[in-house]
Amino acid sequence: MNNVTGRPPLEPFPPYSYALYGAGTELVLICVMSILLNVLCLVGTRNLARFVRTNVTYLLLRMICYVSITCFVSEFIAITFAFMNVDFDHFKILYQILGAIMLHSYFFAIVASMTITFHRILVVAFPDYSNKLITERFVKCYLLVYVILYLLCIASSLTPIMGAYFKPGKLNWGLDHAKPYSDTVIGTMNIISNYIIGYVNMVVYTVLLAYLFMTKRISFQTATEKRMTIQVLENPSIK
């Protein structure tokens, strides 16, 4: 059976090197810890998320947790299958499904994070307009569109047009270069996602802090304001 990429078979598969097993074990531990942290976040915000303007941030934060858990669970399963020597050529659809879920869960975690950023812009810079725009109906419509697009993106990566898959020999995802739009669409989405959190969030939060300072709504003198400033500066790097 031909490789989905049209390239030589993935190596090493099998057998795995000790280094690859070590890296895989580390990735499994990271997945488990990440899942637990996201579950703790869901538990901590379960009574805070509401379809109202002041609580939308918590709702979006829970969305990030849900898609992040989905991403890490699919990665955990994929690595487990790789360690079990589940052959790529015979079960390539399985690796394609897991790779598509991993990839688009990551993308949509970024989408939710950027939505939080723009929500803060509206609330801080345009409070009156945000009161009119961010209604319960608007938030529910956004969530519906978000879920539909998320599922459509995963499904589209399993079509002949574009695709991604989990590479058992490398323990990460890769593009299916044999499909015509994989590099153009998924590759571009990946590049944008890798840079948008750091650059856009840093610029937006810097501008918001400057705006609050100029309007004398923040002075950077109190301990609380200093902690908030440090958190804002660290947030893009952590993400």
C-alpha atoms as a PDB file:
ATOM      1  CA  MET A   1       0.000   0.000   0.000  1.00  0.00           C
ATOM      2  CA  ASN A   2       1.353   3.399  -0.935  1.00  0.00           C
ATOM      3  CA  ASN A   3       2.327   5.999   1.642  1.00  0.00           C
ATOM      4  CA  VAL A   4      -0.233   8.854   1.786  1.00  0.00           C
ATOM      5  CA  THR A   5       2.535  11.406   1.287  1.00  0.00           C
ATOM      6  CA  GLY A   6       3.922   9.771  -1.839  1.00  0.00           C
ATOM      7  CA  ARG A   7       7.296   9.707  -0.065  1.00  0.00           C
ATOM      8  CA  PRO A   8       9.453   6.859   1.365  1.00  0.00           C
ATOM      9  CA  PRO A   9       7.997   5.071   4.420  1.00  0.00           C
ATOM     10  CA  LEU A  10       8.381   6.826   7.733  1.00  0.00           C
ATOM     11  CA  GLU A  11      11.469   5.823   9.684  1.00  0.00           C
ATOM     12  CA  PRO A  12      12.203   4.374  12.155  1.00  0.00           C
ATOM     13  CA  PHE A  13       9.091   2.149  12.095  1.00  0.00           C
ATOM     14  CA  PRO A  14       9.606  -0.502  13.415  1.00  0.00           C
ATOM     15  CA  PRO A  15      11.834  -0.848  15.418  1.00  0.00           C
ATOM     16  CA  TYR A  16      11.956   2.355  17.449  1.00  0.00           C
ATOM     17  CA  SER A  17      15.166   3.735  18.822  1.00  0.00           C
ATOM     18  CA  TYR A  18      15.644   4.203  22.556  1.00  0.00           C
ATOM     19  CA  ALA A  19      15.740   7.966  21.968  1.00  0.00           C
ATOM     20  CA  LEU A  20      12.324   7.856  20.298  1.00  0.00           C
ATOM     21  CA  TYR A  21      10.865   5.819  23.135  1.00  0.00           C
ATOM     22  CA  GLY A  22      12.298   8.326  25.597  1.00  0.00           C
ATOM     23  CA  ALA A  23      10.815  11.253  23.682  1.00  0.00           C
ATOM     24  CA  GLY A  24       7.487   9.452  23.426  1.00  0.00           C
ATOM     25  CA  THR A  25       7.397   8.779  27.157  1.00  0.00           C
ATOM     26  CA  GLU A  26       8.067  12.452  27.802  1.00  0.00           C
ATOM     27  CA  LEU A  27       5.263  13.436  25.414  1.00  0.00           C
ATOM     28  CA  VAL A  28       2.868  11.046  27.150  1.00  0.00           C
ATOM     29  CA  LEU A  29       3.656  12.630  30.517  1.00  0.00           C
ATOM     30  CA  ILE A  30       3.141  16.098  29.033  1.00  0.00           C
ATOM     31  CA  CYS A  31      -0.219  14.993  27.617  1.00  0.00           C
ATOM     32  CA  VAL A  32      -1.362  13.591  30.959  1.00  0.00           C
ATOM     33  CA  MET A  33      -0.296  16.693  32.891  1.00  0.00           C
ATOM     34  CA  SER A  34      -1.896  18.995  30.308  1.00  0.00           C
ATOM     35  CA  ILE A  35      -5.169  17.080  30.440  1.00  0.00           C
ATOM     36  CA  LEU A  36      -5.230  17.278  34.241  1.00  0.00           C
ATOM     37  CA  LEU A  37      -4.492  21.021  34.220  1.00  0.00           C
ATOM     38  CA  ASN A  38      -7.270  21.682  31.710  1.00  0.00           C
ATOM     39  CA  VAL A  39      -9.693  19.579  33.761  1.00  0.00           C
ATOM     40  CA  LEU A  40      -8.783  21.627  36.848  1.00  0.00           C
ATOM     41  CA  CYS A  41      -9.455  24.797  34.864  1.00  0.00           C
ATOM     42  CA  LEU A  42     -12.865  23.458  33.820  1.00  0.00           C
ATOM     43  CA  VAL A  43     -13.705  22.628  37.432  1.00  0.00           C
ATOM     44  CA  GLY A  44     -12.569  26.054  38.618  1.00  0.00           C
ATOM     45  CA  THR A  45     -14.634  27.962  36.052  1.00  0.00           C
ATOM     46  CA  ARG A  46     -17.784  25.828  35.995  1.00  0.00           C
ATOM     47  CA  ASN A  47     -19.793  28.352  38.036  1.00  0.00           C
ATOM     48  CA  LEU A  48     -18.353  31.452  36.356  1.00  0.00           C
ATOM     49  CA  ALA A  49     -19.113  30.914  32.665  1.00  0.00           C
ATOM     50  CA  ARG A  50     -22.335  32.564  31.522  1.00  0.00           C
ATOM     51  CA  PHE A  51     -23.859  33.883  28.307  1.00  0.00           C
ATOM     52  CA  VAL A  52     -23.464  37.473  29.497  1.00  0.00           C
ATOM     53  CA  ARG A  53     -20.881  40.108  28.685  1.00  0.00           C
ATOM     54  CA  THR A  54     -18.889  39.993  31.915  1.00  0.00           C
ATOM     55  CA  ASN A  55     -18.662  36.189  31.981  1.00  0.00           C
ATOM     56  CA  VAL A  56     -17.956  35.482  28.310  1.00  0.00           C
ATOM     57  CA  THR A  57     -14.222  35.293  29.005  1.00  0.00           C
ATOM     58  CA  TYR A  58     -14.753  32.318  31.312  1.00  0.00           C
ATOM     59  CA  LEU A  59     -16.951  30.671  28.693  1.00  0.00           C
ATOM     60  CA  LEU A  60     -14.232  31.114  26.069  1.00  0.00           C
ATOM     61  CA  LEU A  61     -11.632  29.844  28.515  1.00  0.00           C
ATOM     62  CA  ARG A  62     -13.661  26.668  28.948  1.00  0.00           C
ATOM     63  CA  MET A  63     -13.801  26.288  25.169  1.00  0.00           C
ATOM     64  CA  ILE A  64     -10.003  26.441  25.077  1.00  0.00           C
ATOM     65  CA  CYS A  65      -9.900  23.753  27.760  1.00  0.00           C
ATOM     66  CA  TYR A  66     -12.288  21.468  25.864  1.00  0.00           C
ATOM     67  CA  VAL A  67     -10.417  21.616  22.556  1.00  0.00           C
ATOM     68  CA  SER A  68      -7.065  21.381  24.353  1.00  0.00           C
ATOM     69  CA  ILE A  69      -8.183  18.225  26.154  1.00  0.00           C
ATOM     70  CA  THR A  70      -9.341  16.823  22.809  1.00  0.00           C
ATOM     71  CA  CYS A  71      -5.945  17.624  21.303  1.00  0.00           C
ATOM     72  CA  PHE A  72      -3.945  16.014  24.109  1.00  0.00           C
ATOM     73  CA  VAL A  73      -6.186  12.942  24.328  1.00  0.00           C
ATOM     74  CA  SER A  74      -5.835  12.322  20.577  1.00  0.00           C
ATOM     75  CA  GLU A  75      -2.064  12.787  20.845  1.00  0.00           C
ATOM     76  CA  PHE A  76      -1.918  10.367  23.782  1.00  0.00           C
ATOM     77  CA  ILE A  77      -3.878   7.764  21.808  1.00  0.00           C
ATOM     78  CA  ALA A  78      -1.726   8.260  18.704  1.00  0.00           C
ATOM     79  CA  ILE A  79       1.530   7.831  20.644  1.00  0.00           C
ATOM     80  CA  THR A  80       0.118   4.731  22.348  1.00  0.00           C
ATOM     81  CA  PHE A  81      -0.751   3.215  18.966  1.00  0.00           C
ATOM     82  CA  ALA A  82       2.720   4.057  17.691  1.00  0.00           C
ATOM     83  CA  PHE A  83       4.325   2.320  20.682  1.00  0.00           C
ATOM     84  CA  MET A  84       2.097  -0.704  20.011  1.00  0.00           C
ATOM     85  CA  ASN A  85       3.536  -0.850  16.471  1.00  0.00           C
ATOM     86  CA  VAL A  86       0.158  -0.259  14.848  1.00  0.00           C
ATOM     87  CA  ASP A  87       1.323  -0.251  11.227  1.00  0.00           C
ATOM     88  CA  PHE A  88       0.988   3.082   9.439  1.00  0.00           C
ATOM     89  CA  ASP A  89       0.290   1.696   5.959  1.00  0.00           C
ATOM     90  CA  HIS A  90      -2.450  -0.667   7.118  1.00  0.00           C
ATOM     91  CA  PHE A  91      -4.087   1.783   9.527  1.00  0.00           C
ATOM     92  CA  LYS A  92      -3.328   5.101   7.863  1.00  0.00           C
ATOM     93  CA  ILE A  93      -6.936   6.322   8.187  1.00  0.00           C
ATOM     94  CA  LEU A  94      -6.574   5.970  11.964  1.00  0.00           C
ATOM     95  CA  TYR A  95      -3.433   8.112  11.975  1.00  0.00           C
ATOM     96  CA  GLN A  96      -5.128  10.593   9.621  1.00  0.00           C
ATOM     97  CA  ILE A  97      -8.104  10.996  11.960  1.00  0.00           C
ATOM     98  CA  LEU A  98      -5.907  11.440  15.034  1.00  0.00           C
ATOM     99  CA  GLY A  99      -3.633  13.894  13.212  1.00  0.00           C
ATOM    100  CA  ALA A 100      -6.590  15.948  11.973  1.00  0.00           C
ATOM    101  CA  ILE A 101      -8.105  16.123  15.464  1.00  0.00           C
ATOM    102  CA  MET A 102      -4.772  17.136  17.011  1.00  0.00           C
ATOM    103  CA  LEU A 103      -4.088  19.798  14.418  1.00  0.00           C
ATOM    104  CA  HIS A 104      -7.480  21.474  14.308  1.00  0.00           C
ATOM    105  CA  SER A 105      -7.944  21.316  18.075  1.00  0.00           C
ATOM    106  CA  TYR A 106      -4.738  23.328  18.321  1.00  0.00           C
ATOM    107  CA  PHE A 107      -5.958  25.794  15.685  1.00  0.00           C
ATOM    108  CA  PHE A 108      -9.296  26.310  17.400  1.00  0.00           C
ATOM    109  CA  ALA A 109      -7.699  26.766  20.805  1.00  0.00           C
ATOM    110  CA  ILE A 110      -5.866  29.671  19.168  1.00  0.00           C
ATOM    111  CA  VAL A 111      -9.153  30.949  17.694  1.00  0.00           C
ATOM    112  CA  ALA A 112     -10.807  30.945  21.130  1.00  0.00           C
ATOM    113  CA  SER A 113      -7.770  32.641  22.670  1.00  0.00           C
ATOM    114  CA  MET A 114      -7.852  35.389  20.053  1.00  0.00           C
ATOM    115  CA  THR A 115     -11.590  35.782  20.646  1.00  0.00           C
ATOM    116  CA  ILE A 116     -10.796  36.483  24.304  1.00  0.00           C
ATOM    117  CA  THR A 117      -8.292  39.108  23.170  1.00  0.00           C
ATOM    118  CA  PHE A 118     -10.786  40.910  20.938  1.00  0.00           C
ATOM    119  CA  HIS A 119     -13.458  40.599  23.626  1.00  0.00           C
ATOM    120  CA  ARG A 120     -11.149  42.506  25.971  1.00  0.00           C
ATOM    121  CA  ILE A 121     -10.622  45.180  23.330  1.00  0.00           C
ATOM    122  CA  LEU A 122     -14.369  45.698  23.024  1.00  0.00           C
ATOM    123  CA  VAL A 123     -15.013  45.719  26.765  1.00  0.00           C
ATOM    124  CA  VAL A 124     -12.131  48.075  27.601  1.00  0.00           C
ATOM    125  CA  ALA A 125     -12.105  50.442  24.630  1.00  0.00           C
ATOM    126  CA  PHE A 126     -15.777  50.365  23.613  1.00  0.00           C
ATOM    127  CA  PRO A 127     -17.808  49.477  26.726  1.00  0.00           C
ATOM    128  CA  ASP A 128     -21.108  50.922  25.486  1.00  0.00           C
ATOM    129  CA  TYR A 129     -20.844  49.201  22.105  1.00  0.00           C
ATOM    130  CA  SER A 130     -19.858  45.901  23.733  1.00  0.00           C
ATOM    131  CA  ASN A 131     -22.972  46.016  25.933  1.00  0.00           C
ATOM    132  CA  LYS A 132     -25.128  46.178  22.813  1.00  0.00           C
ATOM    133  CA  LEU A 133     -23.144  43.666  20.738  1.00  0.00           C
ATOM    134  CA  ILE A 134     -22.294  40.910  23.218  1.00  0.00           C
ATOM    135  CA  THR A 135     -25.764  39.601  23.963  1.00  0.00           C
ATOM    136  CA  GLU A 136     -26.763  36.085  24.937  1.00  0.00           C
ATOM    137  CA  ARG A 137     -28.016  35.413  21.405  1.00  0.00           C
ATOM    138  CA  PHE A 138     -24.749  36.677  19.887  1.00  0.00           C
ATOM    139  CA  VAL A 139     -22.647  34.461  22.159  1.00  0.00           C
ATOM    140  CA  LYS A 140     -24.765  31.381  21.435  1.00  0.00           C
ATOM    141  CA  CYS A 141     -24.516  32.026  17.679  1.00  0.00           C
ATOM    142  CA  TYR A 142     -20.751  32.393  17.986  1.00  0.00           C
ATOM    143  CA  LEU A 143     -20.472  29.092  19.873  1.00  0.00           C
ATOM    144  CA  LEU A 144     -22.618  27.322  17.281  1.00  0.00           C
ATOM    145  CA  VAL A 145     -20.500  28.635  14.396  1.00  0.00           C
ATOM    146  CA  TYR A 146     -17.330  27.757  16.320  1.00  0.00           C
ATOM    147  CA  VAL A 147     -18.370  24.123  16.829  1.00  0.00           C
ATOM    148  CA  ILE A 148     -19.600  23.725  13.237  1.00  0.00           C
ATOM    149  CA  LEU A 149     -16.380  25.132  11.766  1.00  0.00           C
ATOM    150  CA  TYR A 150     -14.300  22.969  14.098  1.00  0.00           C
ATOM    151  CA  LEU A 151     -16.034  19.797  12.926  1.00  0.00           C
ATOM    152  CA  LEU A 152     -15.939  20.876   9.270  1.00  0.00           C
ATOM    153  CA  CYS A 153     -12.198  21.547   9.440  1.00  0.00           C
ATOM    154  CA  ILE A 154     -11.546  18.101  10.895  1.00  0.00           C
ATOM    155  CA  ALA A 155     -13.738  16.508   8.228  1.00  0.00           C
ATOM    156  CA  SER A 156     -12.057  18.489   5.430  1.00  0.00           C
ATOM    157  CA  SER A 157      -8.674  17.084   6.474  1.00  0.00           C
ATOM    158  CA  LEU A 158      -9.953  13.598   5.684  1.00  0.00           C
ATOM    159  CA  THR A 159     -10.897  14.436   2.094  1.00  0.00           C
ATOM    160  CA  PRO A 160      -8.824  14.113  -1.114  1.00  0.00           C
ATOM    161  CA  ILE A 161      -8.412  17.913  -1.156  1.00  0.00           C
ATOM    162  CA  MET A 162      -6.183  18.392   1.890  1.00  0.00           C
ATOM    163  CA  GLY A 163      -5.047  16.431   4.882  1.00  0.00           C
ATOM    164  CA  ALA A 164      -2.773  15.875   7.833  1.00  0.00           C
ATOM    165  CA  TYR A 165      -1.779  12.779   9.744  1.00  0.00           C
ATOM    166  CA  PHE A 166       0.116  11.630  12.813  1.00  0.00           C
ATOM    167  CA  LYS A 167       3.610  10.369  11.964  1.00  0.00           C
ATOM    168  CA  PRO A 168       4.338   7.332  14.160  1.00  0.00           C
ATOM    169  CA  GLY A 169       8.017   7.388  13.225  1.00  0.00           C
ATOM    170  CA  LYS A 170       8.393  11.002  14.375  1.00  0.00           C
ATOM    171  CA  LEU A 171       5.659  11.179  17.044  1.00  0.00           C
ATOM    172  CA  ASN A 172       4.169  14.381  15.638  1.00  0.00           C
ATOM    173  CA  TRP A 173       1.755  15.446  12.956  1.00  0.00           C
ATOM    174  CA  GLY A 174       2.614  16.153   9.337  1.00  0.00           C
ATOM    175  CA  LEU A 175       0.991  17.414   6.160  1.00  0.00           C
ATOM    176  CA  ASP A 176      -0.226  15.045   3.466  1.00  0.00           C
ATOM    177  CA  HIS A 177       1.699  16.611   0.587  1.00  0.00           C
ATOM    178  CA  ALA A 178       0.010  14.316  -1.935  1.00  0.00           C
ATOM    179  CA  LYS A 179      -3.221  16.276  -1.486  1.00  0.00           C
ATOM    180  CA  PRO A 180      -3.263  19.541  -3.482  1.00  0.00           C
ATOM    181  CA  TYR A 181      -4.270  22.071  -0.803  1.00  0.00           C
ATOM    182  CA  SER A 182      -2.531  20.681   2.278  1.00  0.00           C
ATOM    183  CA  ASP A 183       0.406  23.078   2.114  1.00  0.00           C
ATOM    184  CA  THR A 184      -1.652  26.067   1.008  1.00  0.00           C
ATOM    185  CA  VAL A 185      -4.468  25.816   3.553  1.00  0.00           C
ATOM    186  CA  ILE A 186      -3.246  23.787   6.527  1.00  0.00           C
ATOM    187  CA  GLY A 187       0.365  24.921   6.204  1.00  0.00           C
ATOM    188  CA  THR A 188      -0.690  28.573   6.145  1.00  0.00           C
ATOM    189  CA  MET A 189      -3.028  28.058   9.117  1.00  0.00           C
ATOM    190  CA  ASN A 190      -0.163  26.508  11.050  1.00  0.00           C
ATOM    191  CA  ILE A 191       2.206  29.398  10.326  1.00  0.00           C
ATOM    192  CA  ILE A 192      -0.419  31.968  11.334  1.00  0.00           C
ATOM    193  CA  SER A 193      -1.280  30.070  14.525  1.00  0.00           C
ATOM    194  CA  ASN A 194       2.366  29.787  15.543  1.00  0.00           C
ATOM    195  CA  TYR A 195       2.905  33.551  15.423  1.00  0.00           C
ATOM    196  CA  ILE A 196      -0.484  35.131  16.084  1.00  0.00           C
ATOM    197  CA  ILE A 197      -0.570  34.422  19.833  1.00  0.00           C
ATOM    198  CA  GLY A 198       2.776  36.020  20.569  1.00  0.00           C
ATOM    199  CA  TYR A 199       2.719  39.015  18.262  1.00  0.00           C
ATOM    200  CA  VAL A 200      -0.973  39.959  18.243  1.00  0.00           C
ATOM    201  CA  ASN A 201      -1.542  39.463  21.974  1.00  0.00           C
ATOM    202  CA  MET A 202       1.597  41.378  22.895  1.00  0.00           C
ATOM    203  CA  VAL A 203       0.607  44.322  20.695  1.00  0.00           C
ATOM    204  CA  VAL A 204      -3.045  44.310  21.796  1.00  0.00           C
ATOM    205  CA  TYR A 205      -2.308  44.099  25.523  1.00  0.00           C
ATOM    206  CA  THR A 206       0.391  46.758  25.280  1.00  0.00           C
ATOM    207  CA  VAL A 207      -2.030  49.111  23.523  1.00  0.00           C
ATOM    208  CA  LEU A 208      -4.776  48.371  26.070  1.00  0.00           C
ATOM    209  CA  LEU A 209      -2.455  49.070  29.004  1.00  0.00           C
ATOM    210  CA  ALA A 210      -1.302  52.299  27.359  1.00  0.00           C
ATOM    211  CA  TYR A 211      -4.930  53.305  26.769  1.00  0.00           C
ATOM    212  CA  LEU A 212      -5.886  52.601  30.389  1.00  0.00           C
ATOM    213  CA  PHE A 213      -2.866  54.555  31.617  1.00  0.00           C
ATOM    214  CA  MET A 214      -3.597  57.559  29.367  1.00  0.00           C
ATOM    215  CA  THR A 215      -7.233  57.624  30.478  1.00  0.00           C
ATOM    216  CA  LYS A 216      -6.043  57.390  34.126  1.00  0.00           C
ATOM    217  CA  ARG A 217      -7.919  54.152  34.698  1.00  0.00           C
ATOM    218  CA  ILE A 218      -4.665  52.493  35.713  1.00  0.00           C
ATOM    219  CA  SER A 219      -1.547  53.970  37.344  1.00  0.00           C
ATOM    220  CA  PHE A 220       0.860  51.003  37.653  1.00  0.00           C
ATOM    221  CA  GLN A 221       1.399  52.046  41.287  1.00  0.00           C
ATOM    222  CA  THR A 222      -0.548  49.417  43.219  1.00  0.00           C
ATOM    223  CA  ALA A 223       0.646  45.853  43.713  1.00  0.00           C
ATOM    224  CA  THR A 224      -2.446  44.501  41.943  1.00  0.00           C
ATOM    225  CA  GLU A 225      -1.812  46.621  38.848  1.00  0.00           C
ATOM    226  CA  LYS A 226       1.845  45.591  38.779  1.00  0.00           C
ATOM    227  CA  ARG A 227       0.899  41.913  38.969  1.00  0.00           C
ATOM    228  CA  MET A 228      -1.625  42.376  36.188  1.00  0.00           C
ATOM    229  CA  THR A 229       0.997  44.067  34.006  1.00  0.00           C
ATOM    230  CA  ILE A 230       3.461  41.208  34.546  1.00  0.00           C
ATOM    231  CA  GLN A 231       0.761  38.651  33.742  1.00  0.00           C
ATOM    232  CA  VAL A 232      -0.115  40.487  30.536  1.00  0.00           C
ATOM    233  CA  LEU A 233       3.525  40.555  29.451  1.00  0.00           C
ATOM    234  CA  GLU A 234       4.051  36.869  30.270  1.00  0.00           C
ATOM    235  CA  ASN A 235       0.764  35.609  28.841  1.00  0.00           C
ATOM    236  CA  PRO A 236       1.761  35.530  25.128  1.00  0.00           C
ATOM    237  CA  SER A 237       5.037  33.775  25.933  1.00  0.00           C
ATOM    238  CA  ILE A 238       3.338  31.095  28.020  1.00  0.00           C
ATOM    239  CA  LYS A 239       0.754  30.423  25.315  1.00  0.00           C
END
